[in-house]
Amino acid sequence: MLGTWDPALFGMLMASSILSASTAVTIIAIGIRMGLRYSTALIGPMLFLFNFAVANWNLSGYVDSGEAFFLALTMWCLLADRWYLLPL
């Protein structure tokens, strides 16, 4: 039997899913910035999303997906020479 759903937990799940997807897009941008072709740059986000830790911890409503996104964004800022975005 199905129980009721909690809107707060659903919101946390949606936020975690959006941040994990944004991390994957940022990893693609990092791969392209490093000079890889688009088809080769897709291997990085595929390995990220297929990882055991992402499926079990990042997509379970915790804050780890936000941490992964901001670490990937920091790496992109460093590779793109956007040093002024780092303090944000």
N, C-alpha and C. Protein backbone atom coordinates (compact mmCIF):
# COMPACT_ATOMS: atom_id res chain seq x y z
N MET A 1 0.84 -1.18 0.00
CA MET A 1 0.00 0.00 0.00
C MET A 1 0.88 1.24 0.00
N LEU A 2 0.50 2.19 -0.76
CA LEU A 2 1.26 3.42 -0.84
C LEU A 2 0.87 4.37 0.28
N GLY A 3 1.87 4.99 0.88
CA GLY A 3 1.62 5.97 1.91
C GLY A 3 1.47 7.35 1.32
N THR A 4 1.28 8.32 2.16
CA THR A 4 1.17 9.70 1.69
C THR A 4 2.57 10.23 1.42
N TRP A 5 2.66 11.25 0.63
CA TRP A 5 3.95 11.83 0.31
C TRP A 5 4.12 13.14 1.07
N ASP A 6 5.34 13.43 1.40
CA ASP A 6 5.67 14.63 2.15
C ASP A 6 6.17 15.69 1.17
N PRO A 7 5.50 16.83 1.09
CA PRO A 7 5.94 17.85 0.12
C PRO A 7 7.35 18.39 0.40
N ALA A 8 7.74 18.45 1.67
CA ALA A 8 9.09 18.94 1.98
C ALA A 8 10.15 17.98 1.47
N LEU A 9 9.95 16.69 1.66
CA LEU A 9 10.92 15.72 1.16
C LEU A 9 10.93 15.67 -0.36
N PHE A 10 9.77 15.87 -0.98
CA PHE A 10 9.72 15.92 -2.44
C PHE A 10 10.47 17.14 -2.96
N GLY A 11 10.36 18.26 -2.26
CA GLY A 11 11.11 19.46 -2.64
C GLY A 11 12.61 19.27 -2.52
N MET A 12 13.02 18.56 -1.46
CA MET A 12 14.45 18.26 -1.30
C MET A 12 14.94 17.35 -2.41
N LEU A 13 14.12 16.38 -2.79
CA LEU A 13 14.47 15.47 -3.88
C LEU A 13 14.58 16.22 -5.21
N MET A 14 13.66 17.14 -5.45
CA MET A 14 13.71 17.93 -6.69
C MET A 14 14.95 18.82 -6.72
N ALA A 15 15.26 19.46 -5.58
CA ALA A 15 16.45 20.31 -5.52
C ALA A 15 17.72 19.49 -5.75
N SER A 16 17.79 18.31 -5.15
CA SER A 16 18.96 17.44 -5.34
C SER A 16 19.08 16.99 -6.79
N SER A 17 17.96 16.69 -7.42
CA SER A 17 17.98 16.25 -8.82
C SER A 17 18.43 17.38 -9.74
N ILE A 18 17.94 18.58 -9.49
CA ILE A 18 18.35 19.73 -10.32
C ILE A 18 19.82 20.02 -10.15
N LEU A 19 20.32 19.95 -8.91
CA LEU A 19 21.74 20.22 -8.68
C LEU A 19 22.63 19.13 -9.27
N SER A 20 22.19 17.89 -9.24
CA SER A 20 22.96 16.81 -9.86
C SER A 20 22.99 16.96 -11.38
N ALA A 21 21.87 17.34 -11.96
CA ALA A 21 21.84 17.57 -13.41
C ALA A 21 22.70 18.77 -13.79
N SER A 22 22.69 19.80 -12.96
CA SER A 22 23.54 20.97 -13.22
C SER A 22 25.01 20.61 -13.11
N THR A 23 25.35 19.72 -12.20
CA THR A 23 26.73 19.25 -12.09
C THR A 23 27.15 18.53 -13.37
N ALA A 24 26.26 17.71 -13.90
CA ALA A 24 26.57 16.99 -15.14
C ALA A 24 26.79 17.96 -16.30
N VAL A 25 25.97 18.99 -16.39
CA VAL A 25 26.14 19.99 -17.45
C VAL A 25 27.45 20.75 -17.26
N THR A 26 27.80 21.04 -16.02
CA THR A 26 29.05 21.75 -15.75
C THR A 26 30.25 20.87 -16.10
N ILE A 27 30.15 19.58 -15.87
CA ILE A 27 31.24 18.67 -16.24
C ILE A 27 31.40 18.63 -17.76
N ILE A 28 30.30 18.72 -18.49
CA ILE A 28 30.39 18.81 -19.96
C ILE A 28 31.11 20.09 -20.36
N ALA A 29 30.77 21.20 -19.71
CA ALA A 29 31.43 22.48 -20.01
C ALA A 29 32.91 22.42 -19.69
N ILE A 30 33.27 21.72 -18.62
CA ILE A 30 34.69 21.57 -18.27
C ILE A 30 35.41 20.75 -19.34
N GLY A 31 34.78 19.68 -19.81
CA GLY A 31 35.40 18.86 -20.85
C GLY A 31 35.59 19.62 -22.15
N ILE A 32 34.61 20.42 -22.52
CA ILE A 32 34.73 21.22 -23.75
C ILE A 32 35.79 22.30 -23.57
N ARG A 33 35.87 22.89 -22.37
CA ARG A 33 36.88 23.91 -22.08
C ARG A 33 38.29 23.32 -22.16
N MET A 34 38.42 22.05 -21.83
CA MET A 34 39.72 21.39 -21.89
C MET A 34 40.09 20.95 -23.30
N GLY A 35 39.21 21.16 -24.26
CA GLY A 35 39.52 20.88 -25.65
C GLY A 35 39.03 19.54 -26.15
N LEU A 36 38.17 18.89 -25.39
CA LEU A 36 37.63 17.61 -25.84
C LEU A 36 36.46 17.83 -26.80
N ARG A 37 36.24 16.84 -27.65
CA ARG A 37 35.05 16.90 -28.48
C ARG A 37 33.82 16.66 -27.61
N TYR A 38 32.65 17.05 -28.11
CA TYR A 38 31.43 16.93 -27.32
C TYR A 38 31.12 15.48 -26.98
N SER A 39 31.33 14.59 -27.93
CA SER A 39 31.06 13.17 -27.66
C SER A 39 32.00 12.60 -26.60
N THR A 40 33.23 13.07 -26.58
CA THR A 40 34.17 12.63 -25.56
C THR A 40 33.89 13.29 -24.22
N ALA A 41 33.44 14.54 -24.24
CA ALA A 41 33.12 15.25 -23.01
C ALA A 41 31.91 14.66 -22.30
N LEU A 42 31.08 13.91 -23.01
CA LEU A 42 29.91 13.27 -22.38
C LEU A 42 30.28 12.07 -21.51
N ILE A 43 31.51 11.57 -21.63
CA ILE A 43 31.92 10.43 -20.81
C ILE A 43 32.03 10.83 -19.34
N GLY A 44 32.50 12.05 -19.06
CA GLY A 44 32.64 12.52 -17.69
C GLY A 44 31.32 12.57 -16.93
N PRO A 45 30.29 13.24 -17.46
CA PRO A 45 29.01 13.24 -16.75
C PRO A 45 28.36 11.86 -16.69
N MET A 46 28.63 11.01 -17.69
CA MET A 46 28.08 9.67 -17.63
C MET A 46 28.67 8.91 -16.45
N LEU A 47 29.98 9.01 -16.27
CA LEU A 47 30.63 8.36 -15.13
C LEU A 47 30.17 8.96 -13.81
N PHE A 48 29.93 10.27 -13.80
CA PHE A 48 29.44 10.93 -12.59
C PHE A 48 28.04 10.45 -12.24
N LEU A 49 27.14 10.41 -13.19
CA LEU A 49 25.76 10.05 -12.90
C LEU A 49 25.57 8.56 -12.66
N PHE A 50 26.43 7.71 -13.23
CA PHE A 50 26.32 6.28 -13.02
C PHE A 50 27.01 5.81 -11.75
N ASN A 51 27.64 6.73 -11.04
CA ASN A 51 28.38 6.39 -9.84
C ASN A 51 27.44 5.96 -8.72
N PHE A 52 27.88 5.03 -7.89
CA PHE A 52 27.08 4.54 -6.76
C PHE A 52 26.76 5.66 -5.77
N ALA A 53 27.74 6.51 -5.50
CA ALA A 53 27.55 7.57 -4.51
C ALA A 53 26.52 8.60 -4.96
N VAL A 54 26.49 8.92 -6.24
CA VAL A 54 25.53 9.91 -6.72
C VAL A 54 24.12 9.37 -6.61
N ALA A 55 23.91 8.14 -7.00
CA ALA A 55 22.56 7.58 -6.97
C ALA A 55 22.06 7.37 -5.55
N ASN A 56 22.94 7.05 -4.63
CA ASN A 56 22.50 6.72 -3.28
C ASN A 56 22.60 7.87 -2.29
N TRP A 57 23.49 8.84 -2.51
CA TRP A 57 23.63 9.92 -1.56
C TRP A 57 23.24 11.27 -2.14
N ASN A 58 23.69 11.59 -3.34
CA ASN A 58 23.38 12.91 -3.90
C ASN A 58 21.91 13.04 -4.28
N LEU A 59 21.28 11.96 -4.69
CA LEU A 59 19.88 12.04 -5.12
C LEU A 59 18.91 11.58 -4.04
N SER A 60 19.34 11.61 -2.79
CA SER A 60 18.45 11.19 -1.71
C SER A 60 17.99 12.34 -0.84
N GLY A 61 18.12 13.55 -1.30
CA GLY A 61 17.61 14.70 -0.56
C GLY A 61 18.62 15.31 0.40
N TYR A 62 19.90 14.97 0.28
CA TYR A 62 20.91 15.57 1.14
C TYR A 62 21.52 16.77 0.44
N VAL A 63 22.46 17.42 1.11
CA VAL A 63 23.09 18.60 0.55
C VAL A 63 24.34 18.26 -0.27
N ASP A 64 24.66 16.98 -0.40
CA ASP A 64 25.87 16.60 -1.12
C ASP A 64 25.80 16.96 -2.60
N SER A 65 24.63 17.00 -3.17
CA SER A 65 24.52 17.36 -4.59
C SER A 65 24.88 18.83 -4.78
N GLY A 66 24.54 19.67 -3.84
CA GLY A 66 24.94 21.08 -3.92
C GLY A 66 26.44 21.25 -3.79
N GLU A 67 27.05 20.46 -2.94
CA GLU A 67 28.49 20.51 -2.78
C GLU A 67 29.19 20.08 -4.06
N ALA A 68 28.72 19.02 -4.69
CA ALA A 68 29.31 18.57 -5.94
C ALA A 68 29.15 19.61 -7.04
N PHE A 69 27.99 20.27 -7.07
CA PHE A 69 27.76 21.30 -8.09
C PHE A 69 28.71 22.47 -7.91
N PHE A 70 28.86 22.95 -6.67
CA PHE A 70 29.73 24.11 -6.47
C PHE A 70 31.21 23.77 -6.63
N LEU A 71 31.60 22.52 -6.36
CA LEU A 71 32.98 22.12 -6.65
C LEU A 71 33.23 22.07 -8.16
N ALA A 72 32.26 21.55 -8.92
CA ALA A 72 32.41 21.54 -10.38
C ALA A 72 32.39 22.96 -10.94
N LEU A 73 31.57 23.82 -10.36
CA LEU A 73 31.52 25.22 -10.80
C LEU A 73 32.83 25.94 -10.48
N THR A 74 33.44 25.62 -9.35
CA THR A 74 34.74 26.20 -9.00
C THR A 74 35.80 25.76 -10.00
N MET A 75 35.77 24.50 -10.38
CA MET A 75 36.72 24.00 -11.38
C MET A 75 36.51 24.69 -12.72
N TRP A 76 35.25 24.91 -13.10
CA TRP A 76 34.98 25.60 -14.36
C TRP A 76 35.49 27.04 -14.30
N CYS A 77 35.28 27.71 -13.17
CA CYS A 77 35.75 29.10 -13.02
C CYS A 77 37.27 29.18 -13.15
N LEU A 78 37.96 28.20 -12.58
CA LEU A 78 39.42 28.20 -12.69
C LEU A 78 39.88 27.96 -14.12
N LEU A 79 39.23 27.04 -14.83
CA LEU A 79 39.63 26.75 -16.20
C LEU A 79 39.25 27.86 -17.17
N ALA A 80 38.17 28.59 -16.88
CA ALA A 80 37.70 29.63 -17.77
C ALA A 80 38.32 31.00 -17.45
N ASP A 81 39.23 31.03 -16.49
CA ASP A 81 39.86 32.29 -16.05
C ASP A 81 38.84 33.32 -15.59
N ARG A 82 37.84 32.86 -14.89
CA ARG A 82 36.83 33.75 -14.29
C ARG A 82 37.11 33.84 -12.78
N TRP A 83 38.24 34.41 -12.44
CA TRP A 83 38.67 34.46 -11.04
C TRP A 83 37.74 35.32 -10.20
N TYR A 84 37.09 36.31 -10.80
CA TYR A 84 36.23 37.21 -10.04
C TYR A 84 34.96 36.51 -9.54
N LEU A 85 34.62 35.33 -10.09
CA LEU A 85 33.46 34.59 -9.61
C LEU A 85 33.76 33.72 -8.40
N LEU A 86 35.03 33.50 -8.08
CA LEU A 86 35.38 32.61 -6.99
C LEU A 86 34.90 33.07 -5.61
N PRO A 87 34.96 34.36 -5.28
CA PRO A 87 34.47 34.76 -3.95
C PRO A 87 32.96 34.53 -3.76
N LEU A 88 32.22 34.50 -4.87
CA LEU A 88 30.77 34.26 -4.73
C LEU A 88 30.54 32.85 -4.28
